[in-house]
Amino acid sequence: MKVLVFAGSTRIASYNRKLAREVAGMARLKGAEVTHLELGDYDVPMYNADLEAKGTPADVMKLKQVFYEHPAWIICTPEYNASYPALVKNTLDWLSSPVKGDPVWSDDFRFSRGKVVGVLSASPGALGGLRSQSHLIPLLLNLHCWVAPQTYALGRAGSAFDDQGHLLEEAAKQRAQSVVEQVLWAAERLHAR
């Protein structure tokens, strides 16, 4: 199973980037073919229809293809002002925007339709970014994704990782692992050949 893992943050010491690395490793141990994507590696401007009218940026086209090729995604999202960050929204807005006149990408949901998505979050606060998940999940459903009911919000993330970026507590590892397992289980059934 091909799984795309990414965090909704570009900050070097991001808790969600650490969490994404952890779940990517967990998915690999379960036999998945994992692509661990760093959104900061792509030049994606703020969405603007006037800019888009001049041509969809090359990195957006690359991302459309990467997301399309993976039947399963795992997203680790920060919480900014009780919601998910602009980086996540902007990326999904660009990816869901149809490319006019393109025979392949004129379908706005081609990149997302039927994808099985696991949602995790990490935050220094006690709720662990839970409110960001409550806003992100409806967006994913609107993009025609299957969202795994098992989610995980890692609270007190500032003390949750060791110096190598690994989760310290066994309970946290098990909760993150449960999301990975559910995503793989569902994706294998929905995308069986």
Protein backbone atom coordinates (compact mmCIF):
# COMPACT_ATOMS: atom_id res chain seq x y z
CA MET A 1 0.00 0.00 0.00
CA LYS A 2 1.35 3.42 -0.95
CA VAL A 3 0.93 5.94 1.87
CA LEU A 4 1.61 9.67 1.72
CA VAL A 5 2.60 11.21 5.06
CA PHE A 6 2.97 14.94 5.62
CA ALA A 7 2.81 17.59 8.30
CA GLY A 8 1.02 20.91 8.03
CA SER A 9 4.08 22.78 9.22
CA THR A 10 7.42 23.92 7.83
CA ARG A 11 8.93 24.90 11.19
CA ILE A 12 12.23 23.08 11.75
CA ALA A 13 11.40 21.95 15.28
CA SER A 14 7.71 21.33 14.55
CA TYR A 15 6.04 18.75 16.79
CA ASN A 16 3.88 17.73 13.85
CA ARG A 17 6.88 17.13 11.63
CA LYS A 18 8.30 14.90 14.40
CA LEU A 19 4.97 13.10 14.65
CA ALA A 20 4.86 12.66 10.86
CA ARG A 21 8.33 11.08 10.92
CA GLU A 22 7.18 8.71 13.66
CA VAL A 23 4.01 7.58 11.85
CA ALA A 24 5.90 7.24 8.56
CA GLY A 25 8.23 4.81 10.32
CA MET A 26 5.28 2.94 11.82
CA ALA A 27 3.67 2.59 8.40
CA ARG A 28 6.93 1.28 6.91
CA LEU A 29 7.16 -1.33 9.67
CA LYS A 30 3.65 -2.45 8.67
CA GLY A 31 4.88 -3.02 5.10
CA ALA A 32 3.58 0.17 3.50
CA GLU A 33 5.46 1.99 0.76
CA VAL A 34 5.73 5.42 2.39
CA THR A 35 6.35 8.80 0.81
CA HIS A 36 7.17 11.27 3.56
CA LEU A 37 6.46 14.64 1.97
CA GLU A 38 7.73 17.99 3.23
CA LEU A 39 5.39 20.72 1.99
CA GLY A 40 8.16 23.27 2.40
CA ASP A 41 10.09 21.59 -0.42
CA TYR A 42 7.49 22.82 -2.93
CA ASP A 43 7.06 26.35 -4.25
CA VAL A 44 3.33 26.83 -3.77
CA PRO A 45 2.20 30.47 -3.61
CA MET A 46 -0.92 31.64 -1.80
CA TYR A 47 -3.90 30.67 -3.93
CA ASN A 48 -4.96 33.44 -6.28
CA ALA A 49 -7.30 32.93 -9.24
CA ASP A 50 -5.54 35.68 -11.20
CA LEU A 51 -2.22 33.89 -10.74
CA GLU A 52 -3.82 30.58 -11.66
CA ALA A 53 -5.21 32.11 -14.86
CA LYS A 54 -1.59 32.60 -15.99
CA GLY A 55 -0.94 28.88 -15.46
CA THR A 56 -0.96 26.46 -12.57
CA PRO A 57 2.47 26.51 -10.86
CA ALA A 58 4.75 23.59 -11.75
CA ASP A 59 5.09 22.43 -8.14
CA VAL A 60 1.30 22.35 -7.76
CA MET A 61 1.13 20.05 -10.78
CA LYS A 62 3.81 17.82 -9.21
CA LEU A 63 1.88 17.68 -5.94
CA LYS A 64 -1.38 16.83 -7.72
CA GLN A 65 0.33 13.77 -9.19
CA VAL A 66 1.98 12.73 -5.90
CA PHE A 67 -1.29 12.95 -3.97
CA TYR A 68 -3.15 11.11 -6.74
CA GLU A 69 -0.66 8.21 -6.74
CA HIS A 70 -1.19 7.42 -3.05
CA PRO A 71 -4.41 5.63 -2.04
CA ALA A 72 -3.78 6.54 1.61
CA TRP A 73 -2.67 9.76 3.29
CA ILE A 74 -1.71 10.54 6.87
CA ILE A 75 -1.81 14.19 7.87
CA CYS A 76 -0.26 15.60 11.05
CA THR A 77 -1.70 19.06 11.53
CA PRO A 78 -0.81 21.83 13.95
CA GLU A 79 -3.50 23.95 15.54
CA TYR A 80 -3.44 27.68 14.87
CA ASN A 81 -6.20 29.74 16.48
CA ALA A 82 -8.34 26.65 17.07
CA SER A 83 -8.10 25.48 13.44
CA TYR A 84 -5.66 24.00 10.95
CA PRO A 85 -2.93 26.23 9.45
CA ALA A 86 -3.04 28.18 6.21
CA LEU A 87 -0.33 25.91 4.77
CA VAL A 88 -2.72 22.95 4.78
CA LYS A 89 -5.68 24.92 3.42
CA ASN A 90 -3.63 26.62 0.73
CA THR A 91 -2.13 23.33 -0.43
CA LEU A 92 -5.52 21.64 -0.64
CA ASP A 93 -7.09 24.68 -2.34
CA TRP A 94 -4.47 24.58 -5.08
CA LEU A 95 -4.67 20.81 -5.49
CA SER A 96 -8.47 20.84 -5.78
CA SER A 97 -8.55 23.63 -8.33
CA PRO A 98 -9.19 22.23 -11.82
CA VAL A 99 -6.68 23.00 -14.55
CA LYS A 100 -8.77 24.43 -17.35
CA GLY A 101 -8.29 22.71 -20.68
CA ASP A 102 -6.18 19.90 -19.20
CA PRO A 103 -7.71 16.52 -20.12
CA VAL A 104 -6.41 14.91 -16.92
CA TRP A 105 -6.56 17.63 -14.28
CA SER A 106 -9.81 19.37 -15.24
CA ASP A 107 -11.41 17.07 -12.62
CA ASP A 108 -11.05 18.99 -9.35
CA PHE A 109 -11.33 15.89 -7.12
CA ARG A 110 -9.08 13.57 -9.15
CA PHE A 111 -6.24 13.97 -6.65
CA SER A 112 -8.40 13.21 -3.60
CA ARG A 113 -11.45 11.13 -4.53
CA GLY A 114 -11.60 7.91 -2.52
CA LYS A 115 -8.37 8.45 -0.59
CA VAL A 116 -8.29 7.00 2.91
CA VAL A 117 -6.98 9.68 5.27
CA GLY A 118 -5.72 9.45 8.82
CA VAL A 119 -5.61 12.64 10.87
CA LEU A 120 -3.26 13.31 13.77
CA SER A 121 -2.22 16.51 15.50
CA ALA A 122 0.29 17.65 18.08
CA SER A 123 0.27 20.74 20.24
CA PRO A 124 1.93 22.04 23.40
CA GLY A 125 -1.56 22.47 24.87
CA ALA A 126 -3.56 19.82 26.70
CA LEU A 127 -5.98 19.21 23.81
CA GLY A 128 -3.19 18.30 21.40
CA GLY A 129 -4.63 20.16 18.43
CA LEU A 130 -8.00 18.44 18.62
CA ARG A 131 -9.81 21.57 17.40
CA SER A 132 -7.72 21.64 14.23
CA GLN A 133 -8.91 18.12 13.48
CA SER A 134 -12.55 19.12 13.96
CA HIS A 135 -12.12 21.69 11.17
CA LEU A 136 -9.89 19.64 8.88
CA ILE A 137 -12.07 16.53 8.74
CA PRO A 138 -15.07 18.30 7.11
CA LEU A 139 -12.72 19.74 4.50
CA LEU A 140 -11.39 16.26 3.71
CA LEU A 141 -14.91 14.89 3.43
CA ASN A 142 -15.75 17.69 1.01
CA LEU A 143 -12.77 16.54 -1.09
CA HIS A 144 -14.43 13.07 -1.30
CA CYS A 145 -11.92 11.42 1.03
CA TRP A 146 -12.66 8.54 3.38
CA VAL A 147 -11.51 9.77 6.80
CA ALA A 148 -10.48 7.13 9.31
CA PRO A 149 -12.60 7.42 12.47
CA GLN A 150 -9.54 6.69 14.61
CA THR A 151 -7.62 9.95 15.14
CA TYR A 152 -4.97 11.05 17.62
CA ALA A 153 -4.27 14.40 19.27
CA LEU A 154 -0.91 14.49 21.06
CA GLY A 155 -1.12 16.94 23.94
CA ARG A 156 1.84 18.45 25.81
CA ALA A 157 3.93 17.77 22.72
CA GLY A 158 6.84 19.85 24.03
CA SER A 159 7.75 17.00 26.37
CA ALA A 160 6.47 14.08 24.28
CA PHE A 161 9.60 13.45 22.17
CA ASP A 162 13.16 12.44 23.03
CA ASP A 163 16.25 14.18 21.61
CA GLN A 164 16.06 12.07 18.44
CA GLY A 165 12.43 13.04 17.84
CA HIS A 166 10.89 9.73 18.93
CA LEU A 167 7.79 9.49 21.07
CA LEU A 168 8.64 8.79 24.69
CA GLU A 169 5.45 7.26 26.07
CA GLU A 170 4.21 3.85 25.03
CA ALA A 171 0.59 5.02 25.20
CA ALA A 172 1.32 7.78 22.65
CA LYS A 173 3.05 5.29 20.35
CA GLN A 174 0.07 2.94 20.55
CA ARG A 175 -2.45 5.72 19.82
CA ALA A 176 -0.48 6.89 16.77
CA GLN A 177 -0.02 3.28 15.66
CA SER A 178 -3.77 2.70 15.86
CA VAL A 179 -4.36 5.48 13.31
CA VAL A 180 -1.73 4.02 10.99
CA GLU A 181 -3.22 0.54 11.25
CA GLN A 182 -6.75 1.72 10.60
CA VAL A 183 -5.70 3.73 7.54
CA LEU A 184 -3.82 0.76 6.09
CA TRP A 185 -6.67 -1.64 6.88
CA ALA A 186 -9.27 0.57 5.18
CA ALA A 187 -7.09 1.48 2.20
CA GLU A 188 -6.30 -2.16 1.49
CA ARG A 189 -10.00 -2.94 1.36
CA LEU A 190 -11.15 0.11 -0.59
CA HIS A 191 -8.33 -0.13 -3.10
CA ALA A 192 -8.06 -3.91 -3.47
CA ARG A 193 -7.14 -4.95 -6.97
